[in-house]
PDB file of N, CA and C in Angstrom:
ATOM      1  N   MET A   1      67.584  11.401   5.044  1.00  0.00           N
ATOM      2  CA  MET A   1      68.876  11.802   4.525  1.00  0.00           C
ATOM      3  C   MET A   1      68.766  12.015   3.020  1.00  0.00           C
ATOM      4  N   THR A   2      69.442  13.012   2.547  1.00  0.00           N
ATOM      5  CA  THR A   2      69.454  13.263   1.107  1.00  0.00           C
ATOM      6  C   THR A   2      70.900  13.225   0.623  1.00  0.00           C
ATOM      7  N   LEU A   3      71.243  12.142   0.001  1.00  0.00           N
ATOM      8  CA  LEU A   3      72.571  11.989  -0.585  1.00  0.00           C
ATOM      9  C   LEU A   3      72.399  12.093  -2.086  1.00  0.00           C
ATOM     10  N   ASP A   4      73.138  13.009  -2.691  1.00  0.00           N
ATOM     11  CA  ASP A   4      73.022  13.129  -4.144  1.00  0.00           C
ATOM     12  C   ASP A   4      74.069  12.251  -4.819  1.00  0.00           C
ATOM     13  N   PRO A   5      73.787  11.820  -6.050  1.00  0.00           N
ATOM     14  CA  PRO A   5      74.718  10.930  -6.759  1.00  0.00           C
ATOM     15  C   PRO A   5      76.119  11.517  -6.917  1.00  0.00           C
ATOM     16  N   LEU A   6      76.231  12.804  -7.122  1.00  0.00           N
ATOM     17  CA  LEU A   6      77.548  13.414  -7.300  1.00  0.00           C
ATOM     18  C   LEU A   6      78.419  13.201  -6.061  1.00  0.00           C
ATOM     19  N   THR A   7      77.838  13.345  -4.882  1.00  0.00           N
ATOM     20  CA  THR A   7      78.589  13.150  -3.640  1.00  0.00           C
ATOM     21  C   THR A   7      79.068  11.711  -3.515  1.00  0.00           C
ATOM     22  N   LEU A   8      78.166  10.752  -3.763  1.00  0.00           N
ATOM     23  CA  LEU A   8      78.556   9.345  -3.638  1.00  0.00           C
ATOM     24  C   LEU A   8      79.608   8.973  -4.680  1.00  0.00           C
ATOM     25  N   PHE A   9      79.385   9.345  -5.927  1.00  0.00           N
ATOM     26  CA  PHE A   9      80.318   8.928  -6.965  1.00  0.00           C
ATOM     27  C   PHE A   9      81.660   9.660  -6.860  1.00  0.00           C
ATOM     28  N   THR A  10      81.659  10.854  -6.312  1.00  0.00           N
ATOM     29  CA  THR A  10      82.925  11.537  -6.037  1.00  0.00           C
ATOM     30  C   THR A  10      83.697  10.763  -4.971  1.00  0.00           C
ATOM     31  N   ALA A  11      82.985  10.320  -3.939  1.00  0.00           N
ATOM     32  CA  ALA A  11      83.627   9.515  -2.889  1.00  0.00           C
ATOM     33  C   ALA A  11      84.188   8.227  -3.474  1.00  0.00           C
ATOM     34  N   LEU A  12      83.443   7.588  -4.346  1.00  0.00           N
ATOM     35  CA  LEU A  12      83.878   6.320  -4.942  1.00  0.00           C
ATOM     36  C   LEU A  12      85.017   6.492  -5.942  1.00  0.00           C
ATOM     37  N   SER A  13      85.232   7.717  -6.423  1.00  0.00           N
ATOM     38  CA  SER A  13      86.251   7.938  -7.448  1.00  0.00           C
ATOM     39  C   SER A  13      87.678   7.893  -6.892  1.00  0.00           C
ATOM     40  N   ASP A  14      87.814   7.949  -5.584  1.00  0.00           N
ATOM     41  CA  ASP A  14      89.132   7.856  -4.962  1.00  0.00           C
ATOM     42  C   ASP A  14      89.378   6.409  -4.542  1.00  0.00           C
ATOM     43  N   GLU A  15      90.529   5.857  -4.907  1.00  0.00           N
ATOM     44  CA  GLU A  15      90.797   4.445  -4.618  1.00  0.00           C
ATOM     45  C   GLU A  15      90.754   4.123  -3.126  1.00  0.00           C
ATOM     46  N   THR A  16      91.330   4.968  -2.301  1.00  0.00           N
ATOM     47  CA  THR A  16      91.336   4.694  -0.865  1.00  0.00           C
ATOM     48  C   THR A  16      89.919   4.681  -0.316  1.00  0.00           C
ATOM     49  N   ARG A  17      89.113   5.679  -0.678  1.00  0.00           N
ATOM     50  CA  ARG A  17      87.734   5.724  -0.183  1.00  0.00           C
ATOM     51  C   ARG A  17      86.916   4.554  -0.717  1.00  0.00           C
ATOM     52  N   LEU A  18      87.129   4.179  -1.961  1.00  0.00           N
ATOM     53  CA  LEU A  18      86.416   3.031  -2.525  1.00  0.00           C
ATOM     54  C   LEU A  18      86.767   1.767  -1.745  1.00  0.00           C
ATOM     55  N   ARG A  19      88.036   1.561  -1.477  1.00  0.00           N
ATOM     56  CA  ARG A  19      88.460   0.371  -0.728  1.00  0.00           C
ATOM     57  C   ARG A  19      87.875   0.376   0.679  1.00  0.00           C
ATOM     58  N   LEU A  20      87.877   1.538   1.332  1.00  0.00           N
ATOM     59  CA  LEU A  20      87.275   1.645   2.665  1.00  0.00           C
ATOM     60  C   LEU A  20      85.795   1.301   2.625  1.00  0.00           C
ATOM     61  N   LEU A  21      85.081   1.857   1.667  1.00  0.00           N
ATOM     62  CA  LEU A  21      83.636   1.621   1.579  1.00  0.00           C
ATOM     63  C   LEU A  21      83.315   0.164   1.268  1.00  0.00           C
ATOM     64  N   LEU A  22      84.107  -0.460   0.419  1.00  0.00           N
ATOM     65  CA  LEU A  22      83.831  -1.867   0.108  1.00  0.00           C
ATOM     66  C   LEU A  22      84.126  -2.759   1.317  1.00  0.00           C
ATOM     67  N   LEU A  23      85.161  -2.448   2.074  1.00  0.00           N
ATOM     68  CA  LEU A  23      85.412  -3.207   3.299  1.00  0.00           C
ATOM     69  C   LEU A  23      84.276  -3.014   4.299  1.00  0.00           C
ATOM     70  N   LEU A  24      83.830  -1.792   4.464  1.00  0.00           N
ATOM     71  CA  LEU A  24      82.730  -1.536   5.399  1.00  0.00           C
ATOM     72  C   LEU A  24      81.438  -2.183   4.924  1.00  0.00           C
ATOM     73  N   THR A  25      81.241  -2.248   3.632  1.00  0.00           N
ATOM     74  CA  THR A  25      80.046  -2.900   3.084  1.00  0.00           C
ATOM     75  C   THR A  25      80.056  -4.386   3.391  1.00  0.00           C
ATOM     76  N   THR A  26      81.210  -5.020   3.270  1.00  0.00           N
ATOM     77  CA  THR A  26      81.270  -6.469   3.473  1.00  0.00           C
ATOM     78  C   THR A  26      81.469  -6.855   4.936  1.00  0.00           C
ATOM     79  N   GLU A  27      82.135  -6.015   5.718  1.00  0.00           N
ATOM     80  CA  GLU A  27      82.473  -6.367   7.098  1.00  0.00           C
ATOM     81  C   GLU A  27      81.552  -5.733   8.132  1.00  0.00           C
ATOM     82  N   GLN A  28      80.676  -4.870   7.735  1.00  0.00           N
ATOM     83  CA  GLN A  28      79.703  -4.192   8.605  1.00  0.00           C
ATOM     84  C   GLN A  28      80.307  -3.051   9.409  1.00  0.00           C
ATOM     85  N   GLU A  29      81.238  -3.322  10.303  1.00  0.00           N
ATOM     86  CA  GLU A  29      81.839  -2.281  11.136  1.00  0.00           C
ATOM     87  C   GLU A  29      83.305  -2.611  11.364  1.00  0.00           C
ATOM     88  N   LEU A  30      84.147  -1.583  11.232  1.00  0.00           N
ATOM     89  CA  LEU A  30      85.577  -1.770  11.427  1.00  0.00           C
ATOM     90  C   LEU A  30      86.167  -0.561  12.143  1.00  0.00           C
ATOM     91  N   CYS A  31      87.213  -0.818  12.895  1.00  0.00           N
ATOM     92  CA  CYS A  31      87.948   0.228  13.599  1.00  0.00           C
ATOM     93  C   CYS A  31      88.978   0.827  12.643  1.00  0.00           C
ATOM     94  N   VAL A  32      89.360   2.053  12.923  1.00  0.00           N
ATOM     95  CA  VAL A  32      90.377   2.720  12.112  1.00  0.00           C
ATOM     96  C   VAL A  32      91.641   1.863  12.018  1.00  0.00           C
ATOM     97  N   CYS A  33      92.047   1.251  13.126  1.00  0.00           N
ATOM     98  CA  CYS A  33      93.279   0.460  13.099  1.00  0.00           C
ATOM     99  C   CYS A  33      93.147  -0.759  12.178  1.00  0.00           C
ATOM    100  N   GLU A  34      91.963  -1.358  12.120  1.00  0.00           N
ATOM    101  CA  GLU A  34      91.744  -2.495  11.220  1.00  0.00           C
ATOM    102  C   GLU A  34      91.835  -2.037   9.764  1.00  0.00           C
ATOM    103  N   LEU A  35      91.265  -0.887   9.484  1.00  0.00           N
ATOM    104  CA  LEU A  35      91.295  -0.341   8.122  1.00  0.00           C
ATOM    105  C   LEU A  35      92.720   0.041   7.728  1.00  0.00           C
ATOM    106  N   THR A  36      93.460   0.602   8.670  1.00  0.00           N
ATOM    107  CA  THR A  36      94.859   0.950   8.421  1.00  0.00           C
ATOM    108  C   THR A  36      95.667  -0.307   8.105  1.00  0.00           C
ATOM    109  N   HIS A  37      95.422  -1.355   8.874  1.00  0.00           N
ATOM    110  CA  HIS A  37      96.111  -2.630   8.653  1.00  0.00           C
ATOM    111  C   HIS A  37      95.764  -3.207   7.274  1.00  0.00           C
ATOM    112  N   ALA A  38      94.500  -3.223   6.943  1.00  0.00           N
ATOM    113  CA  ALA A  38      94.053  -3.840   5.690  1.00  0.00           C
ATOM    114  C   ALA A  38      94.589  -3.109   4.461  1.00  0.00           C
ATOM    115  N   LEU A  39      94.556  -1.780   4.479  1.00  0.00           N
ATOM    116  CA  LEU A  39      94.969  -1.009   3.314  1.00  0.00           C
ATOM    117  C   LEU A  39      96.464  -0.704   3.299  1.00  0.00           C
ATOM    118  N   GLU A  40      97.138  -1.032   4.428  1.00  0.00           N
ATOM    119  CA  GLU A  40      98.574  -0.761   4.554  1.00  0.00           C
ATOM    120  C   GLU A  40      98.875   0.708   4.259  1.00  0.00           C
ATOM    121  N   GLN A  41      98.070   1.563   4.877  1.00  0.00           N
ATOM    122  CA  GLN A  41      98.218   3.008   4.717  1.00  0.00           C
ATOM    123  C   GLN A  41      98.391   3.632   6.096  1.00  0.00           C
ATOM    124  N   PRO A  42      99.024   4.804   6.174  1.00  0.00           N
ATOM    125  CA  PRO A  42      99.192   5.449   7.473  1.00  0.00           C
ATOM    126  C   PRO A  42      97.851   5.888   8.064  1.00  0.00           C
ATOM    127  N   GLN A  43      97.764   5.842   9.387  1.00  0.00           N
ATOM    128  CA  GLN A  43      96.527   6.181  10.077  1.00  0.00           C
ATOM    129  C   GLN A  43      96.014   7.576   9.721  1.00  0.00           C
ATOM    130  N   PRO A  44      96.868   8.620   9.633  1.00  0.00           N
ATOM    131  CA  PRO A  44      96.324   9.939   9.287  1.00  0.00           C
ATOM    132  C   PRO A  44      95.629   9.963   7.912  1.00  0.00           C
ATOM    133  N   LYS A  45      96.157   9.221   6.964  1.00  0.00           N
ATOM    134  CA  LYS A  45      95.539   9.176   5.631  1.00  0.00           C
ATOM    135  C   LYS A  45      94.172   8.496   5.709  1.00  0.00           C
ATOM    136  N   ILE A  46      94.100   7.360   6.394  1.00  0.00           N
ATOM    137  CA  ILE A  46      92.829   6.644   6.539  1.00  0.00           C
ATOM    138  C   ILE A  46      91.822   7.523   7.272  1.00  0.00           C
ATOM    139  N   SER A  47      92.244   8.155   8.354  1.00  0.00           N
ATOM    140  CA  SER A  47      91.343   9.010   9.133  1.00  0.00           C
ATOM    141  C   SER A  47      90.842  10.195   8.321  1.00  0.00           C
ATOM    142  N   ARG A  48      91.690  10.762   7.507  1.00  0.00           N
ATOM    143  CA  ARG A  48      91.287  11.891   6.648  1.00  0.00           C
ATOM    144  C   ARG A  48      90.186  11.469   5.675  1.00  0.00           C
ATOM    145  N   HIS A  49      90.358  10.298   5.059  1.00  0.00           N
ATOM    146  CA  HIS A  49      89.342   9.812   4.113  1.00  0.00           C
ATOM    147  C   HIS A  49      88.046   9.452   4.839  1.00  0.00           C
ATOM    148  N   LEU A  50      88.161   8.848   6.006  1.00  0.00           N
ATOM    149  CA  LEU A  50      86.964   8.519   6.785  1.00  0.00           C
ATOM    150  C   LEU A  50      86.231   9.784   7.225  1.00  0.00           C
ATOM    151  N   ALA A  51      86.967  10.820   7.572  1.00  0.00           N
ATOM    152  CA  ALA A  51      86.341  12.088   7.971  1.00  0.00           C
ATOM    153  C   ALA A  51      85.535  12.674   6.814  1.00  0.00           C
ATOM    154  N   LEU A  52      86.084  12.597   5.612  1.00  0.00           N
ATOM    155  CA  LEU A  52      85.355  13.101   4.449  1.00  0.00           C
ATOM    156  C   LEU A  52      84.080  12.292   4.214  1.00  0.00           C
ATOM    157  N   LEU A  53      84.183  10.984   4.349  1.00  0.00           N
ATOM    158  CA  LEU A  53      83.002  10.126   4.185  1.00  0.00           C
ATOM    159  C   LEU A  53      81.965  10.398   5.273  1.00  0.00           C
ATOM    160  N   ARG A  54      82.433  10.663   6.478  1.00  0.00           N
ATOM    161  CA  ARG A  54      81.521  10.982   7.583  1.00  0.00           C
ATOM    162  C   ARG A  54      80.858  12.339   7.359  1.00  0.00           C
ATOM    163  N   GLU A  55      81.621  13.330   6.932  1.00  0.00           N
ATOM    164  CA  GLU A  55      81.074  14.665   6.661  1.00  0.00           C
ATOM    165  C   GLU A  55      79.992  14.622   5.590  1.00  0.00           C
ATOM    166  N   ASN A  56      80.150  13.702   4.638  1.00  0.00           N
ATOM    167  CA  ASN A  56      79.157  13.556   3.563  1.00  0.00           C
ATOM    168  C   ASN A  56      78.049  12.566   3.927  1.00  0.00           C
ATOM    169  N   GLU A  57      78.066  12.101   5.182  1.00  0.00           N
ATOM    170  CA  GLU A  57      77.053  11.208   5.738  1.00  0.00           C
ATOM    171  C   GLU A  57      76.965   9.855   5.036  1.00  0.00           C
ATOM    172  N   ILE A  58      78.074   9.422   4.464  1.00  0.00           N
ATOM    173  CA  ILE A  58      78.130   8.106   3.829  1.00  0.00           C
ATOM    174  C   ILE A  58      78.453   7.044   4.869  1.00  0.00           C
ATOM    175  N   VAL A  59      79.252   7.408   5.859  1.00  0.00           N
ATOM    176  CA  VAL A  59      79.549   6.519   6.979  1.00  0.00           C
ATOM    177  C   VAL A  59      79.207   7.232   8.284  1.00  0.00           C
ATOM    178  N   VAL A  60      79.043   6.437   9.321  1.00  0.00           N
ATOM    179  CA  VAL A  60      78.868   6.970  10.677  1.00  0.00           C
ATOM    180  C   VAL A  60      79.910   6.311  11.567  1.00  0.00           C
ATOM    181  N   ASP A  61      80.212   6.978  12.670  1.00  0.00           N
ATOM    182  CA  ASP A  61      81.208   6.423  13.578  1.00  0.00           C
ATOM    183  C   ASP A  61      80.606   6.183  14.949  1.00  0.00           C
ATOM    184  N   ARG A  62      81.308   5.351  15.679  1.00  0.00           N
ATOM    185  CA  ARG A  62      80.938   5.014  17.048  1.00  0.00           C
ATOM    186  C   ARG A  62      82.226   4.947  17.843  1.00  0.00           C
ATOM    187  N   ARG A  63      82.255   5.662  18.933  1.00  0.00           N
ATOM    188  CA  ARG A  63      83.454   5.672  19.779  1.00  0.00           C
ATOM    189  C   ARG A  63      83.326   4.634  20.883  1.00  0.00           C
ATOM    190  N   GLU A  64      84.435   3.959  21.122  1.00  0.00           N
ATOM    191  CA  GLU A  64      84.510   2.974  22.191  1.00  0.00           C
ATOM    192  C   GLU A  64      85.859   3.175  22.865  1.00  0.00           C
ATOM    193  N   GLY A  65      85.852   3.943  23.960  1.00  0.00           N
ATOM    194  CA  GLY A  65      87.115   4.298  24.593  1.00  0.00           C
ATOM    195  C   GLY A  65      87.939   5.140  23.636  1.00  0.00           C
ATOM    196  N   LEU A  66      89.164   4.684  23.389  1.00  0.00           N
ATOM    197  CA  LEU A  66      90.049   5.401  22.470  1.00  0.00           C
ATOM    198  C   LEU A  66      89.780   5.070  21.008  1.00  0.00           C
ATOM    199  N   TRP A  67      88.991   4.037  20.752  1.00  0.00           N
ATOM    200  CA  TRP A  67      88.831   3.518  19.402  1.00  0.00           C
ATOM    201  C   TRP A  67      87.607   4.111  18.718  1.00  0.00           C
ATOM    202  N   VAL A  68      87.744   4.294  17.423  1.00  0.00           N
ATOM    203  CA  VAL A  68      86.633   4.800  16.615  1.00  0.00           C
ATOM    204  C   VAL A  68      86.297   3.736  15.576  1.00  0.00           C
ATOM    205  N   HIS A  69      85.051   3.300  15.595  1.00  0.00           N
ATOM    206  CA  HIS A  69      84.559   2.282  14.666  1.00  0.00           C
ATOM    207  C   HIS A  69      83.669   2.949  13.627  1.00  0.00           C
ATOM    208  N   TYR A  70      83.788   2.504  12.399  1.00  0.00           N
ATOM    209  CA  TYR A  70      83.008   3.063  11.303  1.00  0.00           C
ATOM    210  C   TYR A  70      82.128   2.002  10.675  1.00  0.00           C
ATOM    211  N   ARG A  71      80.999   2.450  10.149  1.00  0.00           N
ATOM    212  CA  ARG A  71      80.108   1.580   9.381  1.00  0.00           C
ATOM    213  C   ARG A  71      79.386   2.438   8.357  1.00  0.00           C
ATOM    214  N   ILE A  72      78.807   1.780   7.371  1.00  0.00           N
ATOM    215  CA  ILE A  72      78.003   2.486   6.386  1.00  0.00           C
ATOM    216  C   ILE A  72      76.808   3.101   7.107  1.00  0.00           C
ATOM    217  N   ASN A  73      76.488   4.323   6.758  1.00  0.00           N
ATOM    218  CA  ASN A  73      75.359   5.012   7.385  1.00  0.00           C
ATOM    219  C   ASN A  73      74.075   4.216   7.145  1.00  0.00           C
ATOM    220  N   PRO A  74      73.389   3.781   8.207  1.00  0.00           N
ATOM    221  CA  PRO A  74      72.161   3.000   8.012  1.00  0.00           C
ATOM    222  C   PRO A  74      71.039   3.809   7.353  1.00  0.00           C
ATOM    223  N   ASP A  75      71.155   5.134   7.356  1.00  0.00           N
ATOM    224  CA  ASP A  75      70.154   5.986   6.711  1.00  0.00           C
ATOM    225  C   ASP A  75      70.483   6.301   5.256  1.00  0.00           C
ATOM    226  N   LEU A  76      71.520   5.665   4.731  1.00  0.00           N
ATOM    227  CA  LEU A  76      71.877   5.863   3.327  1.00  0.00           C
ATOM    228  C   LEU A  76      70.693   5.458   2.461  1.00  0.00           C
ATOM    229  N   PRO A  77      70.389   6.230   1.423  1.00  0.00           N
ATOM    230  CA  PRO A  77      69.273   5.850   0.542  1.00  0.00           C
ATOM    231  C   PRO A  77      69.483   4.457  -0.064  1.00  0.00           C
ATOM    232  N   ALA A  78      68.387   3.801  -0.355  1.00  0.00           N
ATOM    233  CA  ALA A  78      68.435   2.439  -0.903  1.00  0.00           C
ATOM    234  C   ALA A  78      69.275   2.363  -2.171  1.00  0.00           C
ATOM    235  N   TRP A  79      69.158   3.351  -3.045  1.00  0.00           N
ATOM    236  CA  TRP A  79      69.919   3.316  -4.301  1.00  0.00           C
ATOM    237  C   TRP A  79      71.425   3.344  -4.016  1.00  0.00           C
ATOM    238  N   ALA A  80      71.850   4.101  -2.999  1.00  0.00           N
ATOM    239  CA  ALA A  80      73.274   4.193  -2.665  1.00  0.00           C
ATOM    240  C   ALA A  80      73.764   2.888  -2.043  1.00  0.00           C
ATOM    241  N   ARG A  81      72.942   2.294  -1.170  1.00  0.00           N
ATOM    242  CA  ARG A  81      73.293   0.988  -0.588  1.00  0.00           C
ATOM    243  C   ARG A  81      73.417  -0.067  -1.685  1.00  0.00           C
ATOM    244  N   GLU A  82      72.526   0.009  -2.659  1.00  0.00           N
ATOM    245  CA  GLU A  82      72.575  -0.949  -3.765  1.00  0.00           C
ATOM    246  C   GLU A  82      73.852  -0.770  -4.584  1.00  0.00           C
ATOM    247  N   VAL A  83      74.249   0.468  -4.848  1.00  0.00           N
ATOM    248  CA  VAL A  83      75.499   0.722  -5.580  1.00  0.00           C
ATOM    249  C   VAL A  83      76.679   0.111  -4.829  1.00  0.00           C
ATOM    250  N   LEU A  84      76.746   0.357  -3.526  1.00  0.00           N
ATOM    251  CA  LEU A  84      77.854  -0.188  -2.734  1.00  0.00           C
ATOM    252  C   LEU A  84      77.805  -1.714  -2.688  1.00  0.00           C
ATOM    253  N   GLY A  85      76.626  -2.262  -2.477  1.00  0.00           N
ATOM    254  CA  GLY A  85      76.481  -3.711  -2.402  1.00  0.00           C
ATOM    255  C   GLY A  85      76.860  -4.405  -3.697  1.00  0.00           C
ATOM    256  N   LYS A  86      76.361  -3.882  -4.805  1.00  0.00           N
ATOM    257  CA  LYS A  86      76.678  -4.508  -6.100  1.00  0.00           C
ATOM    258  C   LYS A  86      78.151  -4.331  -6.457  1.00  0.00           C
ATOM    259  N   THR A  87      78.709  -3.192  -6.120  1.00  0.00           N
ATOM    260  CA  THR A  87      80.134  -2.979  -6.377  1.00  0.00           C
ATOM    261  C   THR A  87      80.966  -3.974  -5.582  1.00  0.00           C
ATOM    262  N   ALA A  88      80.613  -4.177  -4.316  1.00  0.00           N
ATOM    263  CA  ALA A  88      81.342  -5.139  -3.485  1.00  0.00           C
ATOM    264  C   ALA A  88      81.160  -6.560  -4.009  1.00  0.00           C
ATOM    265  N   THR A  89      79.943  -6.915  -4.363  1.00  0.00           N
ATOM    266  CA  THR A  89      79.658  -8.268  -4.846  1.00  0.00           C
ATOM    267  C   THR A  89      80.403  -8.583  -6.135  1.00  0.00           C
ATOM    268  N   HIS A  90      80.392  -7.657  -7.060  1.00  0.00           N
ATOM    269  CA  HIS A  90      80.963  -7.922  -8.382  1.00  0.00           C
ATOM    270  C   HIS A  90      82.459  -7.657  -8.475  1.00  0.00           C
ATOM    271  N   ASN A  91      83.049  -7.071  -7.442  1.00  0.00           N
ATOM    272  CA  ASN A  91      84.476  -6.768  -7.490  1.00  0.00           C
ATOM    273  C   ASN A  91      85.253  -7.333  -6.314  1.00  0.00           C
ATOM    274  N   GLY A  92      84.570  -7.999  -5.398  1.00  0.00           N
ATOM    275  CA  GLY A  92      85.218  -8.520  -4.197  1.00  0.00           C
ATOM    276  C   GLY A  92      86.320  -9.519  -4.461  1.00  0.00           C
ATOM    277  N   GLY A  93      86.282 -10.188  -5.602  1.00  0.00           N
ATOM    278  CA  GLY A  93      87.299 -11.176  -5.935  1.00  0.00           C
ATOM    279  C   GLY A  93      88.448 -10.615  -6.744  1.00  0.00           C
ATOM    280  N   LYS A  94      88.450  -9.305  -6.950  1.00  0.00           N
ATOM    281  CA  LYS A  94      89.491  -8.669  -7.761  1.00  0.00           C
ATOM    282  C   LYS A  94      90.442  -7.875  -6.875  1.00  0.00           C
ATOM    283  N   ALA A  95      91.651  -7.656  -7.420  1.00  0.00           N
ATOM    284  CA  ALA A  95      92.628  -6.820  -6.705  1.00  0.00           C
ATOM    285  C   ALA A  95      92.163  -5.366  -6.780  1.00  0.00           C
ATOM    286  N   PRO A  96      92.385  -4.612  -5.744  1.00  0.00           N
ATOM    287  CA  PRO A  96      93.023  -4.936  -4.479  1.00  0.00           C
ATOM    288  C   PRO A  96      92.034  -5.398  -3.412  1.00  0.00           C
ATOM    289  N   PHE A  97      90.761  -5.534  -3.779  1.00  0.00           N
ATOM    290  CA  PHE A  97      89.712  -5.777  -2.788  1.00  0.00           C
ATOM    291  C   PHE A  97      89.844  -7.131  -2.103  1.00  0.00           C
ATOM    292  N   VAL A  98      90.224  -8.164  -2.845  1.00  0.00           N
ATOM    293  CA  VAL A  98      90.388  -9.478  -2.239  1.00  0.00           C
ATOM    294  C   VAL A  98      91.536  -9.457  -1.229  1.00  0.00           C
ATOM    295  N   LYS A  99      92.598  -8.744  -1.543  1.00  0.00           N
ATOM    296  CA  LYS A  99      93.734  -8.602  -0.629  1.00  0.00           C
ATOM    297  C   LYS A  99      93.315  -7.855   0.636  1.00  0.00           C
ATOM    298  N   ASP A 100      92.497  -6.828   0.473  1.00  0.00           N
ATOM    299  CA  ASP A 100      92.017  -6.064   1.636  1.00  0.00           C
ATOM    300  C   ASP A 100      91.213  -6.950   2.576  1.00  0.00           C
ATOM    301  N   ARG A 101      90.332  -7.762   2.029  1.00  0.00           N
ATOM    302  CA  ARG A 101      89.494  -8.637   2.867  1.00  0.00           C
ATOM    303  C   ARG A 101      90.339  -9.693   3.566  1.00  0.00           C
ATOM    304  N   ARG A 102      91.330 -10.223   2.879  1.00  0.00           N
ATOM    305  CA  ARG A 102      92.222 -11.196   3.517  1.00  0.00           C
ATOM    306  C   ARG A 102      92.998 -10.537   4.655  1.00  0.00           C
ATOM    307  N   ALA A 103      93.464  -9.329   4.418  1.00  0.00           N
ATOM    308  CA  ALA A 103      94.232  -8.615   5.445  1.00  0.00           C
ATOM    309  C   ALA A 103      93.372  -8.330   6.671  1.00  0.00           C
ATOM    310  N   ILE A 104      92.114  -7.995   6.467  1.00  0.00           N
ATOM    311  CA  ILE A 104      91.208  -7.746   7.599  1.00  0.00           C
ATOM    312  C   ILE A 104      91.105  -8.994   8.458  1.00  0.00           C
ATOM    313  N   ARG A 105      91.010 -10.141   7.843  1.00  0.00           N
ATOM    314  CA  ARG A 105      90.871 -11.382   8.597  1.00  0.00           C
ATOM    315  C   ARG A 105      92.138 -11.728   9.377  1.00  0.00           C
ATOM    316  N   ARG A 106      93.275 -11.182   8.943  1.00  0.00           N
ATOM    317  CA  ARG A 106      94.541 -11.425   9.632  1.00  0.00           C
ATOM    318  C   ARG A 106      94.921 -10.276  10.560  1.00  0.00           C
ATOM    319  N   ALA A 107      94.073  -9.270  10.647  1.00  0.00           N
ATOM    320  CA  ALA A 107      94.386  -8.098  11.478  1.00  0.00           C
ATOM    321  C   ALA A 107      94.539  -8.526  12.936  1.00  0.00           C
ATOM    322  N   PRO A 108      95.506  -7.929  13.624  1.00  0.00           N
ATOM    323  CA  PRO A 108      95.660  -8.266  15.038  1.00  0.00           C
ATOM    324  C   PRO A 108      94.443  -7.804  15.839  1.00  0.00           C
ATOM    325  N   ASN A 109      94.153  -8.535  16.893  1.00  0.00           N
ATOM    326  CA  ASN A 109      93.091  -8.142  17.826  1.00  0.00           C
ATOM    327  C   ASN A 109      91.703  -8.106  17.196  1.00  0.00           C
ATOM    328  N   ARG A 110      91.420  -9.018  16.311  1.00  0.00           N
ATOM    329  CA  ARG A 110      90.068  -9.124  15.749  1.00  0.00           C
ATOM    330  C   ARG A 110      89.119  -9.607  16.829  1.00  0.00           C
ATOM    331  N   PRO A 111      87.823  -9.506  16.644  1.00  0.00           N
ATOM    332  CA  PRO A 111      86.858  -9.938  17.666  1.00  0.00           C
ATOM    333  C   PRO A 111      87.182 -11.352  18.132  1.00  0.00           C
ATOM    334  N   PRO A 112      86.861 -11.693  19.377  1.00  0.00           N
ATOM    335  CA  PRO A 112      86.064 -10.904  20.311  1.00  0.00           C
ATOM    336  C   PRO A 112      86.867  -9.853  21.063  1.00  0.00           C
ATOM    337  N   SER A 113      88.197  -9.923  21.088  1.00  0.00           N
ATOM    338  CA  SER A 113      88.943  -8.950  21.875  1.00  0.00           C
ATOM    339  C   SER A 113      88.836  -7.558  21.271  1.00  0.00           C
ATOM    340  N   ARG A 114      88.608  -7.495  20.006  1.00  0.00           N
ATOM    341  CA  ARG A 114      88.446  -6.272  19.239  1.00  0.00           C
ATOM    342  C   ARG A 114      89.481  -5.287  19.635  1.00  0.00           C
ATOM    343  N   CYS A 115      89.662  -4.360  19.487  1.00  0.00           N
ATOM    344  CA  CYS A 115      90.475  -3.414  18.783  1.00  0.00           C
ATOM    345  C   CYS A 115      91.816  -3.086  19.390  1.00  0.00           C
ATOM    346  N   CYS A 116      92.681  -2.943  18.670  1.00  0.00           N
ATOM    347  CA  CYS A 116      93.893  -2.188  18.472  1.00  0.00           C
ATOM    348  C   CYS A 116      94.740  -1.916  19.695  1.00  0.00           C
ATOM    349  N   ALA A 117      94.725  -2.770  20.639  1.00  0.00           N
ATOM    350  CA  ALA A 117      95.541  -2.524  21.840  1.00  0.00           C
ATOM    351  C   ALA A 117      97.015  -2.598  21.540  1.00  0.00           C
TER     352      ALA A 117
END
């Protein structure tokens, strides 16, 4: 995979996409409904941002019945994974990221029942 810095940093420049990426970095894999719950944003907005991230190969999706789960692309270059990891590590305790992580833990239907019924 060839991800250029402009693509990654453009994705990170939007608050919604940054919040999505930091949640995916810390939580590994999340369903659209979990992300919608955590960010308190409408599903079409979250899906639109996830589609852009998927088109740029920053995230990948996995379908399970009606549900779509997202995770950071495992083929992301090491430098890009490091940027996401360090950003999550050094900002995870700040607003709005700490609120997002707390909301994920309170999301309805968390594992093992998993998603969004």
